[in-house]
Amino acid sequence: MFTRIAAAETRHLDAIRTALAAYGVADPTAGKAAGTFATPAVQASYDRLLAQGTASQDAALRTGQAAERADITALSTALKGLTAPRLQNIYTNLLDASRAHLATFGNWLGG
């Protein structure tokens, strides 16, 4: 069920890593295991969402919806301040994908 979304998220991370490299910005995920974050607030959010999502399949779908809603808000806000066309394109694609994922989670929940 989650395989396609997981693969898409990996592609999204690859796009961001490519942009970081192109702009000479250090990758904050470099050398870190999956699910490990340098920023305590991000780590806490990840841990909370992971705990919520492991209760059941419905809980995982609802947690996925919550994560996508948060991503949509963050990406929409970030897009307002971007002027670099390359980054605007990446963020727009990520925003479109988050909207599609949110709809998919809703469909899987039956509505």
PDB file of N, CA and C in Angstrom:
ATOM      1  N   MET A   1       0.816  -1.194   0.000  1.00  0.00           N
ATOM      2  CA  MET A   1       0.000   0.000   0.000  1.00  0.00           C
ATOM      3  C   MET A   1       0.867   1.268   0.000  1.00  0.00           C
ATOM      4  N   PHE A   2       1.884   1.293   0.826  1.00  0.00           N
ATOM      5  CA  PHE A   2       2.685   2.505   0.979  1.00  0.00           C
ATOM      6  C   PHE A   2       3.913   2.531   0.074  1.00  0.00           C
ATOM      7  N   THR A   3       4.136   1.496  -0.697  1.00  0.00           N
ATOM      8  CA  THR A   3       5.360   1.365  -1.485  1.00  0.00           C
ATOM      9  C   THR A   3       5.559   2.515  -2.463  1.00  0.00           C
ATOM     10  N   ARG A   4       4.523   2.888  -3.193  1.00  0.00           N
ATOM     11  CA  ARG A   4       4.674   3.968  -4.189  1.00  0.00           C
ATOM     12  C   ARG A   4       4.930   5.325  -3.535  1.00  0.00           C
ATOM     13  N   ILE A   5       4.260   5.589  -2.428  1.00  0.00           N
ATOM     14  CA  ILE A   5       4.491   6.863  -1.738  1.00  0.00           C
ATOM     15  C   ILE A   5       5.900   6.884  -1.149  1.00  0.00           C
ATOM     16  N   ALA A   6       6.343   5.766  -0.580  1.00  0.00           N
ATOM     17  CA  ALA A   6       7.705   5.704  -0.035  1.00  0.00           C
ATOM     18  C   ALA A   6       8.742   5.943  -1.133  1.00  0.00           C
ATOM     19  N   ALA A   7       8.528   5.344  -2.296  1.00  0.00           N
ATOM     20  CA  ALA A   7       9.451   5.557  -3.423  1.00  0.00           C
ATOM     21  C   ALA A   7       9.442   7.017  -3.868  1.00  0.00           C
ATOM     22  N   ALA A   8       8.267   7.629  -3.885  1.00  0.00           N
ATOM     23  CA  ALA A   8       8.161   9.038  -4.266  1.00  0.00           C
ATOM     24  C   ALA A   8       8.902   9.913  -3.261  1.00  0.00           C
ATOM     25  N   GLU A   9       8.770   9.604  -1.988  1.00  0.00           N
ATOM     26  CA  GLU A   9       9.465  10.399  -0.969  1.00  0.00           C
ATOM     27  C   GLU A   9      10.980  10.284  -1.127  1.00  0.00           C
ATOM     28  N   THR A  10      11.460   9.128  -1.524  1.00  0.00           N
ATOM     29  CA  THR A  10      12.893   8.962  -1.785  1.00  0.00           C
ATOM     30  C   THR A  10      13.326   9.830  -2.961  1.00  0.00           C
ATOM     31  N   ARG A  11      12.512   9.886  -3.998  1.00  0.00           N
ATOM     32  CA  ARG A  11      12.822  10.761  -5.139  1.00  0.00           C
ATOM     33  C   ARG A  11      12.803  12.230  -4.721  1.00  0.00           C
ATOM     34  N   HIS A  12      11.895  12.596  -3.847  1.00  0.00           N
ATOM     35  CA  HIS A  12      11.827  13.985  -3.371  1.00  0.00           C
ATOM     36  C   HIS A  12      13.090  14.338  -2.595  1.00  0.00           C
ATOM     37  N   LEU A  13      13.525  13.431  -1.736  1.00  0.00           N
ATOM     38  CA  LEU A  13      14.758  13.666  -0.983  1.00  0.00           C
ATOM     39  C   LEU A  13      15.946  13.789  -1.922  1.00  0.00           C
ATOM     40  N   ASP A  14      15.994  12.960  -2.945  1.00  0.00           N
ATOM     41  CA  ASP A  14      17.076  13.046  -3.933  1.00  0.00           C
ATOM     42  C   ASP A  14      17.081  14.402  -4.635  1.00  0.00           C
ATOM     43  N   ALA A  15      15.898  14.927  -4.956  1.00  0.00           N
ATOM     44  CA  ALA A  15      15.806  16.239  -5.613  1.00  0.00           C
ATOM     45  C   ALA A  15      16.335  17.338  -4.699  1.00  0.00           C
ATOM     46  N   ILE A  16      15.991  17.261  -3.424  1.00  0.00           N
ATOM     47  CA  ILE A  16      16.472  18.255  -2.471  1.00  0.00           C
ATOM     48  C   ILE A  16      17.983  18.127  -2.293  1.00  0.00           C
ATOM     49  N   ARG A  17      18.482  16.918  -2.199  1.00  0.00           N
ATOM     50  CA  ARG A  17      19.939  16.722  -2.057  1.00  0.00           C
ATOM     51  C   ARG A  17      20.680  17.264  -3.271  1.00  0.00           C
ATOM     52  N   THR A  18      20.128  17.080  -4.454  1.00  0.00           N
ATOM     53  CA  THR A  18      20.743  17.614  -5.668  1.00  0.00           C
ATOM     54  C   THR A  18      20.778  19.134  -5.632  1.00  0.00           C
ATOM     55  N   ALA A  19      19.689  19.747  -5.185  1.00  0.00           N
ATOM     56  CA  ALA A  19      19.641  21.212  -5.079  1.00  0.00           C
ATOM     57  C   ALA A  19      20.627  21.713  -4.030  1.00  0.00           C
ATOM     58  N   LEU A  20      20.707  21.037  -2.896  1.00  0.00           N
ATOM     59  CA  LEU A  20      21.670  21.431  -1.868  1.00  0.00           C
ATOM     60  C   LEU A  20      23.086  21.424  -2.434  1.00  0.00           C
ATOM     61  N   ALA A  21      23.414  20.360  -3.147  1.00  0.00           N
ATOM     62  CA  ALA A  21      24.755  20.254  -3.737  1.00  0.00           C
ATOM     63  C   ALA A  21      24.990  21.360  -4.764  1.00  0.00           C
ATOM     64  N   ALA A  22      23.981  21.646  -5.576  1.00  0.00           N
ATOM     65  CA  ALA A  22      24.118  22.669  -6.618  1.00  0.00           C
ATOM     66  C   ALA A  22      24.360  24.053  -6.017  1.00  0.00           C
ATOM     67  N   TYR A  23      23.776  24.298  -4.837  1.00  0.00           N
ATOM     68  CA  TYR A  23      23.927  25.598  -4.183  1.00  0.00           C
ATOM     69  C   TYR A  23      25.038  25.605  -3.132  1.00  0.00           C
ATOM     70  N   GLY A  24      25.768  24.481  -3.027  1.00  0.00           N
ATOM     71  CA  GLY A  24      26.878  24.418  -2.084  1.00  0.00           C
ATOM     72  C   GLY A  24      26.462  24.423  -0.627  1.00  0.00           C
ATOM     73  N   VAL A  25      25.277  23.878  -0.354  1.00  0.00           N
ATOM     74  CA  VAL A  25      24.767  23.820   1.016  1.00  0.00           C
ATOM     75  C   VAL A  25      24.979  22.405   1.551  1.00  0.00           C
ATOM     76  N   ALA A  26      25.486  22.306   2.767  1.00  0.00           N
ATOM     77  CA  ALA A  26      25.728  21.006   3.380  1.00  0.00           C
ATOM     78  C   ALA A  26      24.405  20.264   3.585  1.00  0.00           C
ATOM     79  N   ASP A  27      24.432  18.980   3.327  1.00  0.00           N
ATOM     80  CA  ASP A  27      23.255  18.128   3.491  1.00  0.00           C
ATOM     81  C   ASP A  27      23.124  17.752   4.970  1.00  0.00           C
ATOM     82  N   PRO A  28      22.065  18.210   5.636  1.00  0.00           N
ATOM     83  CA  PRO A  28      21.919  17.903   7.063  1.00  0.00           C
ATOM     84  C   PRO A  28      21.606  16.434   7.336  1.00  0.00           C
ATOM     85  N   THR A  29      21.303  15.662   6.288  1.00  0.00           N
ATOM     86  CA  THR A  29      21.016  14.240   6.483  1.00  0.00           C
ATOM     87  C   THR A  29      22.222  13.358   6.198  1.00  0.00           C
ATOM     88  N   ALA A  30      23.292  13.956   5.718  1.00  0.00           N
ATOM     89  CA  ALA A  30      24.483  13.172   5.349  1.00  0.00           C
ATOM     90  C   ALA A  30      25.018  12.407   6.560  1.00  0.00           C
ATOM     91  N   GLY A  31      25.241  11.125   6.345  1.00  0.00           N
ATOM     92  CA  GLY A  31      25.806  10.287   7.392  1.00  0.00           C
ATOM     93  C   GLY A  31      24.830   9.873   8.478  1.00  0.00           C
ATOM     94  N   LYS A  32      23.587  10.248   8.348  1.00  0.00           N
ATOM     95  CA  LYS A  32      22.591   9.906   9.360  1.00  0.00           C
ATOM     96  C   LYS A  32      21.737   8.724   8.885  1.00  0.00           C
ATOM     97  N   ALA A  33      21.417   7.869   9.803  1.00  0.00           N
ATOM     98  CA  ALA A  33      20.531   6.745   9.493  1.00  0.00           C
ATOM     99  C   ALA A  33      19.128   7.272   9.236  1.00  0.00           C
ATOM    100  N   ALA A  34      18.355   6.519   8.474  1.00  0.00           N
ATOM    101  CA  ALA A  34      16.963   6.893   8.219  1.00  0.00           C
ATOM    102  C   ALA A  34      16.253   7.063   9.557  1.00  0.00           C
ATOM    103  N   GLY A  35      15.484   8.144   9.676  1.00  0.00           N
ATOM    104  CA  GLY A  35      14.754   8.405  10.904  1.00  0.00           C
ATOM    105  C   GLY A  35      15.557   9.123  11.965  1.00  0.00           C
ATOM    106  N   THR A  36      16.766   9.566  11.610  1.00  0.00           N
ATOM    107  CA  THR A  36      17.620  10.300  12.546  1.00  0.00           C
ATOM    108  C   THR A  36      17.819  11.713  12.015  1.00  0.00           C
ATOM    109  N   PHE A  37      17.531  12.703  12.861  1.00  0.00           N
ATOM    110  CA  PHE A  37      17.581  14.098  12.421  1.00  0.00           C
ATOM    111  C   PHE A  37      18.426  14.922  13.380  1.00  0.00           C
ATOM    112  N   ALA A  38      19.130  15.919  12.833  1.00  0.00           N
ATOM    113  CA  ALA A  38      20.020  16.766  13.627  1.00  0.00           C
ATOM    114  C   ALA A  38      19.260  17.774  14.468  1.00  0.00           C
ATOM    115  N   THR A  39      18.099  18.195  14.008  1.00  0.00           N
ATOM    116  CA  THR A  39      17.317  19.206  14.703  1.00  0.00           C
ATOM    117  C   THR A  39      16.368  18.526  15.696  1.00  0.00           C
ATOM    118  N   PRO A  40      16.482  18.851  16.978  1.00  0.00           N
ATOM    119  CA  PRO A  40      15.626  18.189  17.975  1.00  0.00           C
ATOM    120  C   PRO A  40      14.133  18.294  17.681  1.00  0.00           C
ATOM    121  N   ALA A  41      13.666  19.438  17.202  1.00  0.00           N
ATOM    122  CA  ALA A  41      12.234  19.590  16.916  1.00  0.00           C
ATOM    123  C   ALA A  41      11.799  18.663  15.782  1.00  0.00           C
ATOM    124  N   VAL A  42      12.630  18.523  14.774  1.00  0.00           N
ATOM    125  CA  VAL A  42      12.305  17.622  13.664  1.00  0.00           C
ATOM    126  C   VAL A  42      12.312  16.175  14.153  1.00  0.00           C
ATOM    127  N   GLN A  43      13.295  15.828  14.977  1.00  0.00           N
ATOM    128  CA  GLN A  43      13.359  14.475  15.524  1.00  0.00           C
ATOM    129  C   GLN A  43      12.127  14.171  16.362  1.00  0.00           C
ATOM    130  N   ALA A  44      11.716  15.119  17.189  1.00  0.00           N
ATOM    131  CA  ALA A  44      10.534  14.923  18.031  1.00  0.00           C
ATOM    132  C   ALA A  44       9.276  14.743  17.190  1.00  0.00           C
ATOM    133  N   SER A  45       9.153  15.533  16.123  1.00  0.00           N
ATOM    134  CA  SER A  45       7.995  15.413  15.239  1.00  0.00           C
ATOM    135  C   SER A  45       7.986  14.045  14.563  1.00  0.00           C
ATOM    136  N   TYR A  46       9.140  13.630  14.063  1.00  0.00           N
ATOM    137  CA  TYR A  46       9.254  12.310  13.423  1.00  0.00           C
ATOM    138  C   TYR A  46       8.862  11.214  14.412  1.00  0.00           C
ATOM    139  N   ASP A  47       9.421  11.260  15.612  1.00  0.00           N
ATOM    140  CA  ASP A  47       9.143  10.229  16.612  1.00  0.00           C
ATOM    141  C   ASP A  47       7.660  10.181  16.963  1.00  0.00           C
ATOM    142  N   ARG A  48       7.040  11.362  17.091  1.00  0.00           N
ATOM    143  CA  ARG A  48       5.605  11.434  17.412  1.00  0.00           C
ATOM    144  C   ARG A  48       4.766  10.825  16.296  1.00  0.00           C
ATOM    145  N   LEU A  49       5.066  11.213  15.058  1.00  0.00           N
ATOM    146  CA  LEU A  49       4.312  10.690  13.917  1.00  0.00           C
ATOM    147  C   LEU A  49       4.510   9.185  13.762  1.00  0.00           C
ATOM    148  N   LEU A  50       5.727   8.713  13.978  1.00  0.00           N
ATOM    149  CA  LEU A  50       5.997   7.287  13.879  1.00  0.00           C
ATOM    150  C   LEU A  50       5.196   6.517  14.924  1.00  0.00           C
ATOM    151  N   ALA A  51       5.173   7.026  16.139  1.00  0.00           N
ATOM    152  CA  ALA A  51       4.408   6.357  17.204  1.00  0.00           C
ATOM    153  C   ALA A  51       2.916   6.351  16.877  1.00  0.00           C
ATOM    154  N   GLN A  52       2.408   7.465  16.380  1.00  0.00           N
ATOM    155  CA  GLN A  52       0.981   7.540  16.030  1.00  0.00           C
ATOM    156  C   GLN A  52       0.640   6.564  14.909  1.00  0.00           C
ATOM    157  N   GLY A  53       1.519   6.457  13.942  1.00  0.00           N
ATOM    158  CA  GLY A  53       1.223   5.668  12.756  1.00  0.00           C
ATOM    159  C   GLY A  53       1.358   4.175  12.921  1.00  0.00           C
ATOM    160  N   THR A  54       1.965   3.726  13.999  1.00  0.00           N
ATOM    161  CA  THR A  54       2.175   2.285  14.157  1.00  0.00           C
ATOM    162  C   THR A  54       1.020   1.575  14.859  1.00  0.00           C
ATOM    163  N   ALA A  55       0.023   2.310  15.297  1.00  0.00           N
ATOM    164  CA  ALA A  55      -1.094   1.704  16.036  1.00  0.00           C
ATOM    165  C   ALA A  55      -1.939   0.777  15.165  1.00  0.00           C
ATOM    166  N   SER A  56      -2.172   1.161  13.919  1.00  0.00           N
ATOM    167  CA  SER A  56      -3.006   0.372  13.014  1.00  0.00           C
ATOM    168  C   SER A  56      -2.833   0.920  11.600  1.00  0.00           C
ATOM    169  N   GLN A  57      -3.415   0.232  10.636  1.00  0.00           N
ATOM    170  CA  GLN A  57      -3.350   0.728   9.266  1.00  0.00           C
ATOM    171  C   GLN A  57      -4.086   2.061   9.135  1.00  0.00           C
ATOM    172  N   ASP A  58      -5.251   2.173   9.732  1.00  0.00           N
ATOM    173  CA  ASP A  58      -5.979   3.447   9.688  1.00  0.00           C
ATOM    174  C   ASP A  58      -5.173   4.561  10.349  1.00  0.00           C
ATOM    175  N   ALA A  59      -4.516   4.241  11.460  1.00  0.00           N
ATOM    176  CA  ALA A  59      -3.688   5.242  12.136  1.00  0.00           C
ATOM    177  C   ALA A  59      -2.538   5.669  11.231  1.00  0.00           C
ATOM    178  N   ALA A  60      -1.962   4.715  10.517  1.00  0.00           N
ATOM    179  CA  ALA A  60      -0.872   5.049   9.591  1.00  0.00           C
ATOM    180  C   ALA A  60      -1.374   5.966   8.481  1.00  0.00           C
ATOM    181  N   LEU A  61      -2.560   5.695   7.959  1.00  0.00           N
ATOM    182  CA  LEU A  61      -3.126   6.532   6.901  1.00  0.00           C
ATOM    183  C   LEU A  61      -3.456   7.929   7.420  1.00  0.00           C
ATOM    184  N   ARG A  62      -4.010   8.016   8.601  1.00  0.00           N
ATOM    185  CA  ARG A  62      -4.332   9.320   9.185  1.00  0.00           C
ATOM    186  C   ARG A  62      -3.054  10.105   9.515  1.00  0.00           C
ATOM    187  N   THR A  63      -2.042   9.403   9.957  1.00  0.00           N
ATOM    188  CA  THR A  63      -0.756  10.046  10.220  1.00  0.00           C
ATOM    189  C   THR A  63      -0.131  10.531   8.918  1.00  0.00           C
ATOM    190  N   GLY A  64      -0.266   9.742   7.872  1.00  0.00           N
ATOM    191  CA  GLY A  64       0.213  10.166   6.557  1.00  0.00           C
ATOM    192  C   GLY A  64      -0.496  11.436   6.105  1.00  0.00           C
ATOM    193  N   GLN A  65      -1.805  11.488   6.337  1.00  0.00           N
ATOM    194  CA  GLN A  65      -2.555  12.704   6.002  1.00  0.00           C
ATOM    195  C   GLN A  65      -2.035  13.901   6.791  1.00  0.00           C
ATOM    196  N   ALA A  66      -1.799  13.718   8.070  1.00  0.00           N
ATOM    197  CA  ALA A  66      -1.306  14.817   8.912  1.00  0.00           C
ATOM    198  C   ALA A  66       0.059  15.297   8.424  1.00  0.00           C
ATOM    199  N   ALA A  67       0.916  14.363   8.079  1.00  0.00           N
ATOM    200  CA  ALA A  67       2.249  14.729   7.588  1.00  0.00           C
ATOM    201  C   ALA A  67       2.148  15.487   6.269  1.00  0.00           C
ATOM    202  N   GLU A  68       1.288  15.034   5.373  1.00  0.00           N
ATOM    203  CA  GLU A  68       1.134  15.716   4.087  1.00  0.00           C
ATOM    204  C   GLU A  68       0.524  17.105   4.264  1.00  0.00           C
ATOM    205  N   ARG A  69      -0.425  17.251   5.171  1.00  0.00           N
ATOM    206  CA  ARG A  69      -0.990  18.584   5.435  1.00  0.00           C
ATOM    207  C   ARG A  69       0.085  19.537   5.960  1.00  0.00           C
ATOM    208  N   ALA A  70       0.930  19.038   6.858  1.00  0.00           N
ATOM    209  CA  ALA A  70       2.021  19.864   7.386  1.00  0.00           C
ATOM    210  C   ALA A  70       3.001  20.229   6.271  1.00  0.00           C
ATOM    211  N   ASP A  71       3.297  19.257   5.399  1.00  0.00           N
ATOM    212  CA  ASP A  71       4.189  19.531   4.265  1.00  0.00           C
ATOM    213  C   ASP A  71       3.590  20.580   3.335  1.00  0.00           C
ATOM    214  N   ILE A  72       2.300  20.473   3.064  1.00  0.00           N
ATOM    215  CA  ILE A  72       1.634  21.434   2.173  1.00  0.00           C
ATOM    216  C   ILE A  72       1.722  22.842   2.751  1.00  0.00           C
ATOM    217  N   THR A  73       1.487  22.964   4.029  1.00  0.00           N
ATOM    218  CA  THR A  73       1.586  24.275   4.681  1.00  0.00           C
ATOM    219  C   THR A  73       3.008  24.813   4.597  1.00  0.00           C
ATOM    220  N   ALA A  74       3.985  23.988   4.934  1.00  0.00           N
ATOM    221  CA  ALA A  74       5.387  24.431   4.927  1.00  0.00           C
ATOM    222  C   ALA A  74       5.859  24.775   3.517  1.00  0.00           C
ATOM    223  N   LEU A  75       5.512  23.948   2.544  1.00  0.00           N
ATOM    224  CA  LEU A  75       5.935  24.207   1.163  1.00  0.00           C
ATOM    225  C   LEU A  75       5.260  25.452   0.603  1.00  0.00           C
ATOM    226  N   SER A  76       3.992  25.644   0.900  1.00  0.00           N
ATOM    227  CA  SER A  76       3.279  26.836   0.427  1.00  0.00           C
ATOM    228  C   SER A  76       3.915  28.099   0.990  1.00  0.00           C
ATOM    229  N   THR A  77       4.253  28.067   2.261  1.00  0.00           N
ATOM    230  CA  THR A  77       4.905  29.206   2.901  1.00  0.00           C
ATOM    231  C   THR A  77       6.284  29.448   2.289  1.00  0.00           C
ATOM    232  N   ALA A  78       7.052  28.399   2.129  1.00  0.00           N
ATOM    233  CA  ALA A  78       8.409  28.527   1.579  1.00  0.00           C
ATOM    234  C   ALA A  78       8.384  29.052   0.146  1.00  0.00           C
ATOM    235  N   LEU A  79       7.420  28.609  -0.635  1.00  0.00           N
ATOM    236  CA  LEU A  79       7.334  29.044  -2.034  1.00  0.00           C
ATOM    237  C   LEU A  79       7.170  30.551  -2.163  1.00  0.00           C
ATOM    238  N   LYS A  80       6.495  31.159  -1.203  1.00  0.00           N
ATOM    239  CA  LYS A  80       6.276  32.608  -1.255  1.00  0.00           C
ATOM    240  C   LYS A  80       7.582  33.387  -1.201  1.00  0.00           C
ATOM    241  N   GLY A  81       8.608  32.807  -0.570  1.00  0.00           N
ATOM    242  CA  GLY A  81       9.869  33.515  -0.429  1.00  0.00           C
ATOM    243  C   GLY A  81      10.948  33.094  -1.405  1.00  0.00           C
ATOM    244  N   LEU A  82      10.646  32.158  -2.286  1.00  0.00           N
ATOM    245  CA  LEU A  82      11.660  31.668  -3.227  1.00  0.00           C
ATOM    246  C   LEU A  82      11.686  32.510  -4.494  1.00  0.00           C
ATOM    247  N   THR A  83      12.891  32.829  -4.935  1.00  0.00           N
ATOM    248  CA  THR A  83      13.046  33.574  -6.182  1.00  0.00           C
ATOM    249  C   THR A  83      13.837  32.786  -7.227  1.00  0.00           C
ATOM    250  N   ALA A  84      14.573  31.770  -6.794  1.00  0.00           N
ATOM    251  CA  ALA A  84      15.364  30.970  -7.725  1.00  0.00           C
ATOM    252  C   ALA A  84      14.444  30.023  -8.492  1.00  0.00           C
ATOM    253  N   PRO A  85      14.413  30.134  -9.825  1.00  0.00           N
ATOM    254  CA  PRO A  85      13.509  29.294 -10.620  1.00  0.00           C
ATOM    255  C   PRO A  85      13.688  27.793 -10.362  1.00  0.00           C
ATOM    256  N   ARG A  86      14.929  27.345 -10.190  1.00  0.00           N
ATOM    257  CA  ARG A  86      15.167  25.918  -9.950  1.00  0.00           C
ATOM    258  C   ARG A  86      14.483  25.473  -8.664  1.00  0.00           C
ATOM    259  N   LEU A  87      14.618  26.268  -7.614  1.00  0.00           N
ATOM    260  CA  LEU A  87      13.991  25.917  -6.342  1.00  0.00           C
ATOM    261  C   LEU A  87      12.475  26.063  -6.401  1.00  0.00           C
ATOM    262  N   GLN A  88      11.991  27.064  -7.101  1.00  0.00           N
ATOM    263  CA  GLN A  88      10.541  27.210  -7.277  1.00  0.00           C
ATOM    264  C   GLN A  88       9.972  25.958  -7.944  1.00  0.00           C
ATOM    265  N   ASN A  89      10.673  25.449  -8.945  1.00  0.00           N
ATOM    266  CA  ASN A  89      10.231  24.253  -9.654  1.00  0.00           C
ATOM    267  C   ASN A  89      10.222  23.032  -8.725  1.00  0.00           C
ATOM    268  N   ILE A  90      11.290  22.858  -7.969  1.00  0.00           N
ATOM    269  CA  ILE A  90      11.365  21.716  -7.051  1.00  0.00           C
ATOM    270  C   ILE A  90      10.253  21.803  -6.011  1.00  0.00           C
ATOM    271  N   TYR A  91      10.095  22.969  -5.386  1.00  0.00           N
ATOM    272  CA  TYR A  91       9.085  23.120  -4.343  1.00  0.00           C
ATOM    273  C   TYR A  91       7.671  22.976  -4.901  1.00  0.00           C
ATOM    274  N   THR A  92       7.442  23.470  -6.108  1.00  0.00           N
ATOM    275  CA  THR A  92       6.125  23.305  -6.738  1.00  0.00           C
ATOM    276  C   THR A  92       5.840  21.831  -6.989  1.00  0.00           C
ATOM    277  N   ASN A  93       6.842  21.098  -7.453  1.00  0.00           N
ATOM    278  CA  ASN A  93       6.662  19.659  -7.673  1.00  0.00           C
ATOM    279  C   ASN A  93       6.405  18.928  -6.359  1.00  0.00           C
ATOM    280  N   LEU A  94       7.129  19.310  -5.314  1.00  0.00           N
ATOM    281  CA  LEU A  94       6.916  18.696  -4.008  1.00  0.00           C
ATOM    282  C   LEU A  94       5.511  19.007  -3.478  1.00  0.00           C
ATOM    283  N   LEU A  95       5.063  20.226  -3.677  1.00  0.00           N
ATOM    284  CA  LEU A  95       3.725  20.625  -3.245  1.00  0.00           C
ATOM    285  C   LEU A  95       2.660  19.820  -3.989  1.00  0.00           C
ATOM    286  N   ASP A  96       2.820  19.692  -5.293  1.00  0.00           N
ATOM    287  CA  ASP A  96       1.874  18.894  -6.085  1.00  0.00           C
ATOM    288  C   ASP A  96       1.851  17.439  -5.611  1.00  0.00           C
ATOM    289  N   ALA A  97       3.026  16.899  -5.320  1.00  0.00           N
ATOM    290  CA  ALA A  97       3.117  15.512  -4.850  1.00  0.00           C
ATOM    291  C   ALA A  97       2.450  15.360  -3.484  1.00  0.00           C
ATOM    292  N   SER A  98       2.664  16.316  -2.603  1.00  0.00           N
ATOM    293  CA  SER A  98       2.033  16.237  -1.282  1.00  0.00           C
ATOM    294  C   SER A  98       0.514  16.276  -1.395  1.00  0.00           C
ATOM    295  N   ARG A  99       0.016  17.098  -2.282  1.00  0.00           N
ATOM    296  CA  ARG A  99      -1.441  17.139  -2.505  1.00  0.00           C
ATOM    297  C   ARG A  99      -1.949  15.799  -3.041  1.00  0.00           C
ATOM    298  N   ALA A 100      -1.198  15.204  -3.954  1.00  0.00           N
ATOM    299  CA  ALA A 100      -1.585  13.898  -4.503  1.00  0.00           C
ATOM    300  C   ALA A 100      -1.527  12.825  -3.419  1.00  0.00           C
ATOM    301  N   HIS A 101      -0.496  12.851  -2.588  1.00  0.00           N
ATOM    302  CA  HIS A 101      -0.384  11.866  -1.508  1.00  0.00           C
ATOM    303  C   HIS A 101      -1.525  12.030  -0.515  1.00  0.00           C
ATOM    304  N   LEU A 102      -1.863  13.275  -0.192  1.00  0.00           N
ATOM    305  CA  LEU A 102      -2.976  13.528   0.730  1.00  0.00           C
ATOM    306  C   LEU A 102      -4.268  12.935   0.174  1.00  0.00           C
ATOM    307  N   ALA A 103      -4.519  13.124  -1.097  1.00  0.00           N
ATOM    308  CA  ALA A 103      -5.715  12.558  -1.731  1.00  0.00           C
ATOM    309  C   ALA A 103      -5.666  11.034  -1.717  1.00  0.00           C
ATOM    310  N   THR A 104      -4.503  10.467  -1.949  1.00  0.00           N
ATOM    311  CA  THR A 104      -4.363   9.009  -1.942  1.00  0.00           C
ATOM    312  C   THR A 104      -4.670   8.446  -0.556  1.00  0.00           C
ATOM    313  N   PHE A 105      -4.108   9.064   0.488  1.00  0.00           N
ATOM    314  CA  PHE A 105      -4.410   8.601   1.832  1.00  0.00           C
ATOM    315  C   PHE A 105      -5.917   8.676   2.097  1.00  0.00           C
ATOM    316  N   GLY A 106      -6.551   9.745   1.652  1.00  0.00           N
ATOM    317  CA  GLY A 106      -7.998   9.875   1.819  1.00  0.00           C
ATOM    318  C   GLY A 106      -8.771   8.782   1.091  1.00  0.00           C
ATOM    319  N   ASN A 107      -8.334   8.465  -0.128  1.00  0.00           N
ATOM    320  CA  ASN A 107      -8.979   7.402  -0.893  1.00  0.00           C
ATOM    321  C   ASN A 107      -8.832   6.063  -0.182  1.00  0.00           C
ATOM    322  N   TRP A 108      -7.646   5.798   0.348  1.00  0.00           N
ATOM    323  CA  TRP A 108      -7.413   4.536   1.048  1.00  0.00           C
ATOM    324  C   TRP A 108      -8.250   4.425   2.322  1.00  0.00           C
ATOM    325  N   LEU A 109      -8.566   5.585   2.915  1.00  0.00           N
ATOM    326  CA  LEU A 109      -9.416   5.589   4.098  1.00  0.00           C
ATOM    327  C   LEU A 109     -10.901   5.498   3.727  1.00  0.00           C
ATOM    328  N   GLY A 110     -11.182   5.519   2.451  1.00  0.00           N
ATOM    329  CA  GLY A 110     -12.563   5.366   2.006  1.00  0.00           C
ATOM    330  C   GLY A 110     -13.311   6.661   1.836  1.00  0.00           C
ATOM    331  N   GLY A 111     -12.572   7.733   1.620  1.00  0.00           N
ATOM    332  CA  GLY A 111     -13.321   8.946   1.390  1.00  0.00           C
ATOM    333  C   GLY A 111     -12.483  10.137   1.460  1.00  0.00           C
TER     334      GLY A 111
END
